[in-house]
Amino acid sequence: LIPSLSPTGCEHLKADLDYLHNVLAALALPNHPHPLLAHVVSVATLEDVALVQQIQSRNATDPMQSFLATLEKHIARLRSIATMN
């Protein structure tokens, strides 16, 4: 469990997820690496303002957009970035 993510922690998470991505790609598993893995990497390293804007632009009535907003809000909280909700 990760209680918070500092900028250094975000870079470490990115390195770890990039490594996992490469391992899954090398194994040539069907449907892997999953696109959500790349999304988590991008969210972990987005600038604070860009992340808040991305979250706020999500369409809450669309199930996939709502899921992504929930994931992004969780990562924002770990990064101590204030969001509207």
PDB file of N, CA and C in Angstrom:
ATOM      1  N   LEU A   1       0.837  -1.179   0.000  1.00  0.00           N
ATOM      2  CA  LEU A   1       0.000   0.000   0.000  1.00  0.00           C
ATOM      3  C   LEU A   1       0.878   1.236   0.000  1.00  0.00           C
ATOM      4  N   ILE A   2       0.524   2.175  -0.857  1.00  0.00           N
ATOM      5  CA  ILE A   2       1.285   3.414  -0.983  1.00  0.00           C
ATOM      6  C   ILE A   2       0.483   4.531  -0.317  1.00  0.00           C
ATOM      7  N   PRO A   3       0.970   5.093   0.808  1.00  0.00           N
ATOM      8  CA  PRO A   3       0.204   6.136   1.483  1.00  0.00           C
ATOM      9  C   PRO A   3       0.245   7.487   0.782  1.00  0.00           C
ATOM     10  N   SER A   4       1.335   7.773   0.071  1.00  0.00           N
ATOM     11  CA  SER A   4       1.443   9.031  -0.666  1.00  0.00           C
ATOM     12  C   SER A   4       2.512   8.883  -1.745  1.00  0.00           C
ATOM     13  N   LEU A   5       2.456   9.811  -2.698  1.00  0.00           N
ATOM     14  CA  LEU A   5       3.424   9.794  -3.795  1.00  0.00           C
ATOM     15  C   LEU A   5       4.102  11.156  -3.905  1.00  0.00           C
ATOM     16  N   SER A   6       5.377  11.188  -3.618  1.00  0.00           N
ATOM     17  CA  SER A   6       6.172  12.397  -3.824  1.00  0.00           C
ATOM     18  C   SER A   6       6.568  12.444  -5.301  1.00  0.00           C
ATOM     19  N   PRO A   7       7.116  13.561  -5.767  1.00  0.00           N
ATOM     20  CA  PRO A   7       7.608  13.576  -7.154  1.00  0.00           C
ATOM     21  C   PRO A   7       8.615  12.460  -7.435  1.00  0.00           C
ATOM     22  N   THR A   8       9.488  12.184  -6.470  1.00  0.00           N
ATOM     23  CA  THR A   8      10.448  11.092  -6.641  1.00  0.00           C
ATOM     24  C   THR A   8       9.728   9.755  -6.673  1.00  0.00           C
ATOM     25  N   GLY A   9       8.719   9.612  -5.806  1.00  0.00           N
ATOM     26  CA  GLY A   9       7.925   8.386  -5.791  1.00  0.00           C
ATOM     27  C   GLY A   9       7.196   8.164  -7.101  1.00  0.00           C
ATOM     28  N   CYS A  10       6.705   9.252  -7.700  1.00  0.00           N
ATOM     29  CA  CYS A  10       6.025   9.150  -9.000  1.00  0.00           C
ATOM     30  C   CYS A  10       6.982   8.672 -10.078  1.00  0.00           C
ATOM     31  N   GLU A  11       8.190   9.178 -10.052  1.00  0.00           N
ATOM     32  CA  GLU A  11       9.195   8.741 -11.028  1.00  0.00           C
ATOM     33  C   GLU A  11       9.556   7.272 -10.809  1.00  0.00           C
ATOM     34  N   HIS A  12       9.640   6.867  -9.558  1.00  0.00           N
ATOM     35  CA  HIS A  12       9.938   5.461  -9.244  1.00  0.00           C
ATOM     36  C   HIS A  12       8.782   4.567  -9.706  1.00  0.00           C
ATOM     37  N   LEU A  13       7.540   4.997  -9.442  1.00  0.00           N
ATOM     38  CA  LEU A  13       6.369   4.242  -9.894  1.00  0.00           C
ATOM     39  C   LEU A  13       6.379   4.127 -11.410  1.00  0.00           C
ATOM     40  N   LYS A  14       6.693   5.224 -12.088  1.00  0.00           N
ATOM     41  CA  LYS A  14       6.765   5.204 -13.557  1.00  0.00           C
ATOM     42  C   LYS A  14       7.800   4.185 -14.019  1.00  0.00           C
ATOM     43  N   ALA A  15       8.967   4.181 -13.408  1.00  0.00           N
ATOM     44  CA  ALA A  15      10.019   3.223 -13.789  1.00  0.00           C
ATOM     45  C   ALA A  15       9.554   1.791 -13.569  1.00  0.00           C
ATOM     46  N   ASP A  16       8.917   1.543 -12.421  1.00  0.00           N
ATOM     47  CA  ASP A  16       8.431   0.192 -12.127  1.00  0.00           C
ATOM     48  C   ASP A  16       7.357  -0.253 -13.118  1.00  0.00           C
ATOM     49  N   LEU A  17       6.410   0.652 -13.432  1.00  0.00           N
ATOM     50  CA  LEU A  17       5.342   0.293 -14.360  1.00  0.00           C
ATOM     51  C   LEU A  17       5.860   0.149 -15.791  1.00  0.00           C
ATOM     52  N   ASP A  18       6.847   0.975 -16.155  1.00  0.00           N
ATOM     53  CA  ASP A  18       7.472   0.808 -17.470  1.00  0.00           C
ATOM     54  C   ASP A  18       8.150  -0.553 -17.574  1.00  0.00           C
ATOM     55  N   TYR A  19       8.811  -0.965 -16.492  1.00  0.00           N
ATOM     56  CA  TYR A  19       9.455  -2.278 -16.468  1.00  0.00           C
ATOM     57  C   TYR A  19       8.406  -3.389 -16.622  1.00  0.00           C
ATOM     58  N   LEU A  20       7.316  -3.281 -15.856  1.00  0.00           N
ATOM     59  CA  LEU A  20       6.241  -4.265 -15.954  1.00  0.00           C
ATOM     60  C   LEU A  20       5.670  -4.300 -17.371  1.00  0.00           C
ATOM     61  N   HIS A  21       5.487  -3.140 -17.961  1.00  0.00           N
ATOM     62  CA  HIS A  21       5.006  -3.041 -19.343  1.00  0.00           C
ATOM     63  C   HIS A  21       5.934  -3.807 -20.283  1.00  0.00           C
ATOM     64  N   ASN A  22       7.228  -3.595 -20.132  1.00  0.00           N
ATOM     65  CA  ASN A  22       8.208  -4.266 -20.990  1.00  0.00           C
ATOM     66  C   ASN A  22       8.195  -5.780 -20.798  1.00  0.00           C
ATOM     67  N   VAL A  23       8.057  -6.229 -19.556  1.00  0.00           N
ATOM     68  CA  VAL A  23       7.999  -7.671 -19.287  1.00  0.00           C
ATOM     69  C   VAL A  23       6.772  -8.282 -19.954  1.00  0.00           C
ATOM     70  N   LEU A  24       5.600  -7.640 -19.766  1.00  0.00           N
ATOM     71  CA  LEU A  24       4.378  -8.161 -20.375  1.00  0.00           C
ATOM     72  C   LEU A  24       4.460  -8.154 -21.899  1.00  0.00           C
ATOM     73  N   ALA A  25       5.055  -7.104 -22.455  1.00  0.00           N
ATOM     74  CA  ALA A  25       5.220  -7.037 -23.909  1.00  0.00           C
ATOM     75  C   ALA A  25       6.151  -8.160 -24.395  1.00  0.00           C
ATOM     76  N   ALA A  26       7.213  -8.421 -23.655  1.00  0.00           N
ATOM     77  CA  ALA A  26       8.163  -9.473 -24.046  1.00  0.00           C
ATOM     78  C   ALA A  26       7.538 -10.860 -23.988  1.00  0.00           C
ATOM     79  N   LEU A  27       6.601 -11.058 -23.075  1.00  0.00           N
ATOM     80  CA  LEU A  27       5.932 -12.352 -22.969  1.00  0.00           C
ATOM     81  C   LEU A  27       4.896 -12.571 -24.063  1.00  0.00           C
ATOM     82  N   ALA A  28       4.557 -11.524 -24.770  1.00  0.00           N
ATOM     83  CA  ALA A  28       3.592 -11.586 -25.878  1.00  0.00           C
ATOM     84  C   ALA A  28       2.261 -12.201 -25.449  1.00  0.00           C
ATOM     85  N   LEU A  29       1.814 -11.829 -24.250  1.00  0.00           N
ATOM     86  CA  LEU A  29       0.522 -12.300 -23.771  1.00  0.00           C
ATOM     87  C   LEU A  29      -0.598 -11.596 -24.533  1.00  0.00           C
ATOM     88  N   PRO A  30      -1.684 -12.297 -24.835  1.00  0.00           N
ATOM     89  CA  PRO A  30      -2.790 -11.640 -25.523  1.00  0.00           C
ATOM     90  C   PRO A  30      -3.378 -10.518 -24.666  1.00  0.00           C
ATOM     91  N   ASN A  31      -3.662  -9.402 -25.300  1.00  0.00           N
ATOM     92  CA  ASN A  31      -4.272  -8.236 -24.643  1.00  0.00           C
ATOM     93  C   ASN A  31      -3.405  -7.617 -23.552  1.00  0.00           C
ATOM     94  N   HIS A  32      -2.115  -7.866 -23.593  1.00  0.00           N
ATOM     95  CA  HIS A  32      -1.211  -7.260 -22.622  1.00  0.00           C
ATOM     96  C   HIS A  32      -0.031  -6.677 -23.356  1.00  0.00           C
ATOM     97  N   PRO A  33       0.540  -5.633 -22.872  1.00  0.00           N
ATOM     98  CA  PRO A  33       0.161  -4.940 -21.653  1.00  0.00           C
ATOM     99  C   PRO A  33      -1.133  -4.146 -21.845  1.00  0.00           C
ATOM    100  N   HIS A  34      -1.911  -4.066 -20.799  1.00  0.00           N
ATOM    101  CA  HIS A  34      -3.202  -3.401 -20.836  1.00  0.00           C
ATOM    102  C   HIS A  34      -3.006  -1.881 -20.958  1.00  0.00           C
ATOM    103  N   PRO A  35      -3.842  -1.198 -21.750  1.00  0.00           N
ATOM    104  CA  PRO A  35      -3.709   0.254 -21.900  1.00  0.00           C
ATOM    105  C   PRO A  35      -3.849   1.023 -20.580  1.00  0.00           C
ATOM    106  N   LEU A  36      -4.537   0.434 -19.616  1.00  0.00           N
ATOM    107  CA  LEU A  36      -4.687   1.106 -18.327  1.00  0.00           C
ATOM    108  C   LEU A  36      -3.339   1.271 -17.626  1.00  0.00           C
ATOM    109  N   LEU A  37      -2.431   0.347 -17.854  1.00  0.00           N
ATOM    110  CA  LEU A  37      -1.100   0.441 -17.281  1.00  0.00           C
ATOM    111  C   LEU A  37      -0.401   1.709 -17.762  1.00  0.00           C
ATOM    112  N   ALA A  38      -0.461   1.953 -19.058  1.00  0.00           N
ATOM    113  CA  ALA A  38       0.148   3.172 -19.614  1.00  0.00           C
ATOM    114  C   ALA A  38      -0.556   4.421 -19.092  1.00  0.00           C
ATOM    115  N   HIS A  39      -1.861   4.332 -18.892  1.00  0.00           N
ATOM    116  CA  HIS A  39      -2.609   5.488 -18.386  1.00  0.00           C
ATOM    117  C   HIS A  39      -2.169   5.826 -16.965  1.00  0.00           C
ATOM    118  N   VAL A  40      -1.986   4.831 -16.118  1.00  0.00           N
ATOM    119  CA  VAL A  40      -1.539   5.082 -14.746  1.00  0.00           C
ATOM    120  C   VAL A  40      -0.172   5.752 -14.764  1.00  0.00           C
ATOM    121  N   VAL A  41       0.709   5.313 -15.638  1.00  0.00           N
ATOM    122  CA  VAL A  41       2.032   5.942 -15.762  1.00  0.00           C
ATOM    123  C   VAL A  41       1.877   7.407 -16.129  1.00  0.00           C
ATOM    124  N   SER A  42       1.020   7.707 -17.112  1.00  0.00           N
ATOM    125  CA  SER A  42       0.876   9.105 -17.536  1.00  0.00           C
ATOM    126  C   SER A  42       0.253   9.953 -16.435  1.00  0.00           C
ATOM    127  N   VAL A  43      -0.728   9.411 -15.712  1.00  0.00           N
ATOM    128  CA  VAL A  43      -1.383  10.166 -14.635  1.00  0.00           C
ATOM    129  C   VAL A  43      -0.403  10.430 -13.492  1.00  0.00           C
ATOM    130  N   ALA A  44       0.434   9.467 -13.191  1.00  0.00           N
ATOM    131  CA  ALA A  44       1.400   9.625 -12.095  1.00  0.00           C
ATOM    132  C   ALA A  44       2.420  10.712 -12.382  1.00  0.00           C
ATOM    133  N   THR A  45       2.639  11.019 -13.643  1.00  0.00           N
ATOM    134  CA  THR A  45       3.684  11.979 -13.992  1.00  0.00           C
ATOM    135  C   THR A  45       3.154  13.269 -14.621  1.00  0.00           C
ATOM    136  N   LEU A  46       1.834  13.414 -14.725  1.00  0.00           N
ATOM    137  CA  LEU A  46       1.267  14.660 -15.255  1.00  0.00           C
ATOM    138  C   LEU A  46       1.555  15.818 -14.300  1.00  0.00           C
ATOM    139  N   GLU A  47       1.704  17.003 -14.861  1.00  0.00           N
ATOM    140  CA  GLU A  47       1.800  18.198 -14.027  1.00  0.00           C
ATOM    141  C   GLU A  47       0.510  18.341 -13.231  1.00  0.00           C
ATOM    142  N   ASP A  48       0.590  18.924 -12.047  1.00  0.00           N
ATOM    143  CA  ASP A  48      -0.565  19.042 -11.156  1.00  0.00           C
ATOM    144  C   ASP A  48      -1.770  19.679 -11.842  1.00  0.00           C
ATOM    145  N   VAL A  49      -1.567  20.823 -12.473  1.00  0.00           N
ATOM    146  CA  VAL A  49      -2.668  21.549 -13.118  1.00  0.00           C
ATOM    147  C   VAL A  49      -3.263  20.717 -14.246  1.00  0.00           C
ATOM    148  N   ALA A  50      -2.427  20.054 -15.016  1.00  0.00           N
ATOM    149  CA  ALA A  50      -2.911  19.226 -16.125  1.00  0.00           C
ATOM    150  C   ALA A  50      -3.750  18.063 -15.612  1.00  0.00           C
ATOM    151  N   LEU A  51      -3.347  17.480 -14.485  1.00  0.00           N
ATOM    152  CA  LEU A  51      -4.109  16.368 -13.918  1.00  0.00           C
ATOM    153  C   LEU A  51      -5.480  16.839 -13.443  1.00  0.00           C
ATOM    154  N   VAL A  52      -5.533  17.971 -12.752  1.00  0.00           N
ATOM    155  CA  VAL A  52      -6.812  18.507 -12.296  1.00  0.00           C
ATOM    156  C   VAL A  52      -7.712  18.821 -13.486  1.00  0.00           C
ATOM    157  N   GLN A  53      -7.159  19.425 -14.527  1.00  0.00           N
ATOM    158  CA  GLN A  53      -7.947  19.729 -15.722  1.00  0.00           C
ATOM    159  C   GLN A  53      -8.468  18.450 -16.370  1.00  0.00           C
ATOM    160  N   GLN A  54      -7.658  17.434 -16.421  1.00  0.00           N
ATOM    161  CA  GLN A  54      -8.080  16.160 -17.015  1.00  0.00           C
ATOM    162  C   GLN A  54      -9.240  15.560 -16.230  1.00  0.00           C
ATOM    163  N   ILE A  55      -9.121  15.578 -14.915  1.00  0.00           N
ATOM    164  CA  ILE A  55     -10.189  15.043 -14.063  1.00  0.00           C
ATOM    165  C   ILE A  55     -11.477  15.828 -14.271  1.00  0.00           C
ATOM    166  N   GLN A  56     -11.377  17.138 -14.285  1.00  0.00           N
ATOM    167  CA  GLN A  56     -12.558  17.995 -14.418  1.00  0.00           C
ATOM    168  C   GLN A  56     -13.210  17.878 -15.790  1.00  0.00           C
ATOM    169  N   SER A  57     -12.454  17.453 -16.788  1.00  0.00           N
ATOM    170  CA  SER A  57     -13.017  17.339 -18.139  1.00  0.00           C
ATOM    171  C   SER A  57     -13.754  16.019 -18.367  1.00  0.00           C
ATOM    172  N   ARG A  58     -13.679  15.110 -17.407  1.00  0.00           N
ATOM    173  CA  ARG A  58     -14.327  13.807 -17.564  1.00  0.00           C
ATOM    174  C   ARG A  58     -15.847  13.926 -17.533  1.00  0.00           C
ATOM    175  N   ASN A  59     -16.507  13.129 -18.358  1.00  0.00           N
ATOM    176  CA  ASN A  59     -17.968  13.070 -18.422  1.00  0.00           C
ATOM    177  C   ASN A  59     -18.445  12.040 -17.390  1.00  0.00           C
ATOM    178  N   ALA A  60     -19.028  12.526 -16.300  1.00  0.00           N
ATOM    179  CA  ALA A  60     -19.429  11.646 -15.198  1.00  0.00           C
ATOM    180  C   ALA A  60     -20.565  10.699 -15.572  1.00  0.00           C
ATOM    181  N   THR A  61     -21.283  10.972 -16.664  1.00  0.00           N
ATOM    182  CA  THR A  61     -22.386  10.088 -17.051  1.00  0.00           C
ATOM    183  C   THR A  61     -21.913   8.894 -17.861  1.00  0.00           C
ATOM    184  N   ASP A  62     -20.697   8.945 -18.359  1.00  0.00           N
ATOM    185  CA  ASP A  62     -20.139   7.829 -19.123  1.00  0.00           C
ATOM    186  C   ASP A  62     -19.396   6.907 -18.154  1.00  0.00           C
ATOM    187  N   PRO A  63     -19.747   5.620 -18.109  1.00  0.00           N
ATOM    188  CA  PRO A  63     -19.120   4.716 -17.128  1.00  0.00           C
ATOM    189  C   PRO A  63     -17.593   4.657 -17.215  1.00  0.00           C
ATOM    190  N   MET A  64     -17.047   4.619 -18.414  1.00  0.00           N
ATOM    191  CA  MET A  64     -15.587   4.545 -18.559  1.00  0.00           C
ATOM    192  C   MET A  64     -14.940   5.850 -18.099  1.00  0.00           C
ATOM    193  N   GLN A  65     -15.534   6.980 -18.487  1.00  0.00           N
ATOM    194  CA  GLN A  65     -15.004   8.275 -18.066  1.00  0.00           C
ATOM    195  C   GLN A  65     -15.084   8.416 -16.541  1.00  0.00           C
ATOM    196  N   SER A  66     -16.166   7.944 -15.969  1.00  0.00           N
ATOM    197  CA  SER A  66     -16.344   7.999 -14.513  1.00  0.00           C
ATOM    198  C   SER A  66     -15.296   7.141 -13.815  1.00  0.00           C
ATOM    199  N   PHE A  67     -15.041   5.956 -14.348  1.00  0.00           N
ATOM    200  CA  PHE A  67     -14.012   5.083 -13.781  1.00  0.00           C
ATOM    201  C   PHE A  67     -12.641   5.754 -13.842  1.00  0.00           C
ATOM    202  N   LEU A  68     -12.314   6.329 -15.003  1.00  0.00           N
ATOM    203  CA  LEU A  68     -11.013   6.985 -15.152  1.00  0.00           C
ATOM    204  C   LEU A  68     -10.887   8.168 -14.198  1.00  0.00           C
ATOM    205  N   ALA A  69     -11.974   8.925 -14.028  1.00  0.00           N
ATOM    206  CA  ALA A  69     -11.945  10.057 -13.095  1.00  0.00           C
ATOM    207  C   ALA A  69     -11.698   9.573 -11.670  1.00  0.00           C
ATOM    208  N   THR A  70     -12.328   8.474 -11.286  1.00  0.00           N
ATOM    209  CA  THR A  70     -12.126   7.925  -9.944  1.00  0.00           C
ATOM    210  C   THR A  70     -10.674   7.508  -9.743  1.00  0.00           C
ATOM    211  N   LEU A  71     -10.112   6.825 -10.725  1.00  0.00           N
ATOM    212  CA  LEU A  71      -8.711   6.411 -10.670  1.00  0.00           C
ATOM    213  C   LEU A  71      -7.794   7.635 -10.581  1.00  0.00           C
ATOM    214  N   GLU A  72      -8.060   8.624 -11.415  1.00  0.00           N
ATOM    215  CA  GLU A  72      -7.223   9.829 -11.445  1.00  0.00           C
ATOM    216  C   GLU A  72      -7.339  10.623 -10.141  1.00  0.00           C
ATOM    217  N   LYS A  73      -8.536  10.679  -9.563  1.00  0.00           N
ATOM    218  CA  LYS A  73      -8.707  11.372  -8.279  1.00  0.00           C
ATOM    219  C   LYS A  73      -7.928  10.659  -7.183  1.00  0.00           C
ATOM    220  N   HIS A  74      -7.932   9.342  -7.211  1.00  0.00           N
ATOM    221  CA  HIS A  74      -7.184   8.581  -6.208  1.00  0.00           C
ATOM    222  C   HIS A  74      -5.684   8.886  -6.322  1.00  0.00           C
ATOM    223  N   ILE A  75      -5.182   8.877  -7.530  1.00  0.00           N
ATOM    224  CA  ILE A  75      -3.757   9.177  -7.729  1.00  0.00           C
ATOM    225  C   ILE A  75      -3.463  10.615  -7.333  1.00  0.00           C
ATOM    226  N   ALA A  76      -4.370  11.530  -7.650  1.00  0.00           N
ATOM    227  CA  ALA A  76      -4.187  12.932  -7.250  1.00  0.00           C
ATOM    228  C   ALA A  76      -4.109  13.047  -5.726  1.00  0.00           C
ATOM    229  N   ARG A  77      -4.987  12.337  -5.010  1.00  0.00           N
ATOM    230  CA  ARG A  77      -4.945  12.359  -3.537  1.00  0.00           C
ATOM    231  C   ARG A  77      -3.601  11.833  -3.020  1.00  0.00           C
ATOM    232  N   LEU A  78      -3.125  10.749  -3.617  1.00  0.00           N
ATOM    233  CA  LEU A  78      -1.829  10.216  -3.209  1.00  0.00           C
ATOM    234  C   LEU A  78      -0.711  11.223  -3.449  1.00  0.00           C
ATOM    235  N   ARG A  79      -0.885  12.038  -4.479  1.00  0.00           N
ATOM    236  CA  ARG A  79       0.107  13.058  -4.806  1.00  0.00           C
ATOM    237  C   ARG A  79      -0.141  14.372  -4.065  1.00  0.00           C
ATOM    238  N   SER A  80      -1.154  14.390  -3.189  1.00  0.00           N
ATOM    239  CA  SER A  80      -1.527  15.598  -2.426  1.00  0.00           C
ATOM    240  C   SER A  80      -1.946  16.739  -3.342  1.00  0.00           C
ATOM    241  N   ILE A  81      -2.645  16.394  -4.414  1.00  0.00           N
ATOM    242  CA  ILE A  81      -3.177  17.395  -5.340  1.00  0.00           C
ATOM    243  C   ILE A  81      -4.654  17.537  -5.053  1.00  0.00           C
ATOM    244  N   ALA A  82      -5.089  18.760  -4.762  1.00  0.00           N
ATOM    245  CA  ALA A  82      -6.499  19.010  -4.459  1.00  0.00           C
ATOM    246  C   ALA A  82      -7.315  18.985  -5.749  1.00  0.00           C
ATOM    247  N   THR A  83      -8.429  18.258  -5.692  1.00  0.00           N
ATOM    248  CA  THR A  83      -9.399  18.258  -6.789  1.00  0.00           C
ATOM    249  C   THR A  83     -10.715  18.736  -6.224  1.00  0.00           C
ATOM    250  N   MET A  84     -11.663  19.017  -7.095  1.00  0.00           N
ATOM    251  CA  MET A  84     -12.941  19.534  -6.618  1.00  0.00           C
ATOM    252  C   MET A  84     -13.685  18.508  -5.787  1.00  0.00           C
ATOM    253  N   ASN A  85     -13.616  17.231  -6.125  1.00  0.00           N
ATOM    254  CA  ASN A  85     -14.303  16.169  -5.387  1.00  0.00           C
ATOM    255  C   ASN A  85     -13.330  15.088  -4.990  1.00  0.00           C
TER     256      ASN A  85
END
